[in-house]
């Protein structure tokens, strides 16, 4: 788990248009990353 205030490791994921985006694409910008639980599960 990454602690608040520490740098996140670089990773890549497809966006809503299936374009591969990497965290390093936003270098120099503030980024909020939100992960949500699978639908209909506790969390």
N, C-alpha and C. Protein backbone atom coordinates (compact mmCIF):
# COMPACT_ATOMS: atom_id res chain seq x y z
N UNK A 1 0.84 -1.17 0.00
CA UNK A 1 0.00 0.00 0.00
C UNK A 1 0.89 1.24 0.00
N UNK A 2 0.52 2.20 -0.81
CA UNK A 2 1.25 3.47 -0.89
C UNK A 2 0.70 4.40 0.18
N UNK A 3 1.57 5.00 0.96
CA UNK A 3 1.13 5.92 2.01
C UNK A 3 0.88 7.30 1.42
N UNK A 4 -0.04 8.01 2.02
CA UNK A 4 -0.38 9.37 1.59
C UNK A 4 0.87 10.25 1.60
N UNK A 5 1.05 11.00 0.52
CA UNK A 5 2.17 11.91 0.41
C UNK A 5 3.40 11.34 -0.25
N UNK A 6 3.44 10.03 -0.47
CA UNK A 6 4.58 9.42 -1.15
C UNK A 6 4.30 9.32 -2.64
N UNK A 7 5.35 9.24 -3.41
CA UNK A 7 5.18 9.13 -4.86
C UNK A 7 4.70 7.72 -5.22
N UNK A 8 3.73 7.66 -6.10
CA UNK A 8 3.20 6.38 -6.56
C UNK A 8 4.16 5.78 -7.59
N UNK A 9 4.25 4.46 -7.64
CA UNK A 9 5.08 3.84 -8.66
C UNK A 9 4.47 4.08 -10.04
N UNK A 10 5.30 4.12 -11.07
CA UNK A 10 4.78 4.33 -12.42
C UNK A 10 4.00 3.10 -12.86
N UNK A 11 2.87 3.32 -13.48
CA UNK A 11 2.06 2.24 -14.03
C UNK A 11 1.27 2.78 -15.22
N UNK A 12 0.75 1.88 -16.02
CA UNK A 12 -0.04 2.25 -17.20
C UNK A 12 -1.36 1.50 -17.19
N UNK A 13 -2.41 2.18 -17.63
CA UNK A 13 -3.74 1.60 -17.75
C UNK A 13 -4.45 2.23 -18.92
N UNK A 14 -5.40 1.54 -19.53
CA UNK A 14 -6.17 2.15 -20.61
C UNK A 14 -7.19 3.14 -20.05
N UNK A 15 -7.39 4.25 -20.77
CA UNK A 15 -8.40 5.21 -20.35
C UNK A 15 -9.76 4.84 -20.95
N UNK A 16 -10.75 5.71 -20.82
CA UNK A 16 -12.09 5.41 -21.30
C UNK A 16 -12.15 5.22 -22.81
N UNK A 17 -11.14 5.70 -23.54
CA UNK A 17 -11.09 5.54 -24.99
C UNK A 17 -10.13 4.43 -25.40
N UNK A 18 -9.71 3.62 -24.42
CA UNK A 18 -8.79 2.50 -24.64
C UNK A 18 -7.39 2.95 -25.06
N UNK A 19 -7.04 4.21 -24.77
CA UNK A 19 -5.69 4.73 -25.02
C UNK A 19 -4.86 4.46 -23.78
N UNK A 20 -3.70 3.83 -23.95
CA UNK A 20 -2.83 3.51 -22.83
C UNK A 20 -2.26 4.79 -22.24
N UNK A 21 -2.52 5.01 -20.96
CA UNK A 21 -2.03 6.19 -20.24
C UNK A 21 -1.09 5.72 -19.14
N UNK A 22 -0.01 6.45 -18.97
CA UNK A 22 0.98 6.14 -17.94
C UNK A 22 1.01 7.27 -16.94
N UNK A 23 1.31 6.95 -15.70
CA UNK A 23 1.40 7.99 -14.69
C UNK A 23 2.45 9.03 -15.06
N UNK A 24 3.52 8.59 -15.74
CA UNK A 24 4.57 9.53 -16.13
C UNK A 24 4.09 10.53 -17.19
N UNK A 25 2.96 10.25 -17.86
CA UNK A 25 2.39 11.21 -18.82
C UNK A 25 1.96 12.50 -18.13
N UNK A 26 1.75 12.43 -16.82
CA UNK A 26 1.27 13.57 -16.05
C UNK A 26 2.36 14.15 -15.16
N UNK A 27 3.61 13.86 -15.48
CA UNK A 27 4.75 14.34 -14.70
C UNK A 27 4.70 15.85 -14.57
N UNK A 28 4.85 16.35 -13.36
CA UNK A 28 4.81 17.78 -13.11
C UNK A 28 3.43 18.30 -12.79
N UNK A 29 2.43 17.44 -12.87
CA UNK A 29 1.05 17.82 -12.55
C UNK A 29 0.61 17.11 -11.28
N UNK A 30 -0.33 17.71 -10.59
CA UNK A 30 -0.94 17.03 -9.46
C UNK A 30 -2.01 16.10 -10.00
N UNK A 31 -2.00 14.88 -9.51
CA UNK A 31 -2.93 13.86 -10.00
C UNK A 31 -3.61 13.20 -8.81
N UNK A 32 -4.91 13.01 -8.92
CA UNK A 32 -5.66 12.25 -7.91
C UNK A 32 -6.00 10.92 -8.55
N UNK A 33 -5.62 9.85 -7.87
CA UNK A 33 -5.91 8.50 -8.35
C UNK A 33 -6.93 7.88 -7.42
N UNK A 34 -8.04 7.45 -7.96
CA UNK A 34 -9.10 6.87 -7.15
C UNK A 34 -9.41 5.48 -7.66
N UNK A 35 -9.34 4.52 -6.78
CA UNK A 35 -9.73 3.14 -7.11
C UNK A 35 -11.01 2.83 -6.34
N UNK A 36 -11.98 2.29 -7.00
CA UNK A 36 -13.22 1.99 -6.34
C UNK A 36 -13.48 0.50 -6.34
N UNK A 37 -14.26 0.01 -5.37
CA UNK A 37 -14.53 -1.42 -5.30
C UNK A 37 -15.43 -1.88 -6.44
N UNK A 38 -15.37 -3.15 -6.72
CA UNK A 38 -16.22 -3.74 -7.74
C UNK A 38 -17.67 -3.48 -7.38
N UNK A 39 -18.53 -3.27 -8.36
CA UNK A 39 -19.94 -3.00 -8.12
C UNK A 39 -20.57 -4.11 -7.27
N UNK A 40 -21.48 -3.70 -6.42
CA UNK A 40 -22.24 -4.61 -5.55
C UNK A 40 -21.38 -5.37 -4.56
N UNK A 41 -20.26 -4.79 -4.15
CA UNK A 41 -19.44 -5.41 -3.11
C UNK A 41 -19.29 -4.42 -1.96
N UNK A 42 -18.92 -4.91 -0.83
CA UNK A 42 -18.70 -4.03 0.32
C UNK A 42 -17.44 -3.20 0.11
N UNK A 43 -17.38 -2.10 0.73
CA UNK A 43 -16.18 -1.31 0.57
C UNK A 43 -16.37 0.08 1.04
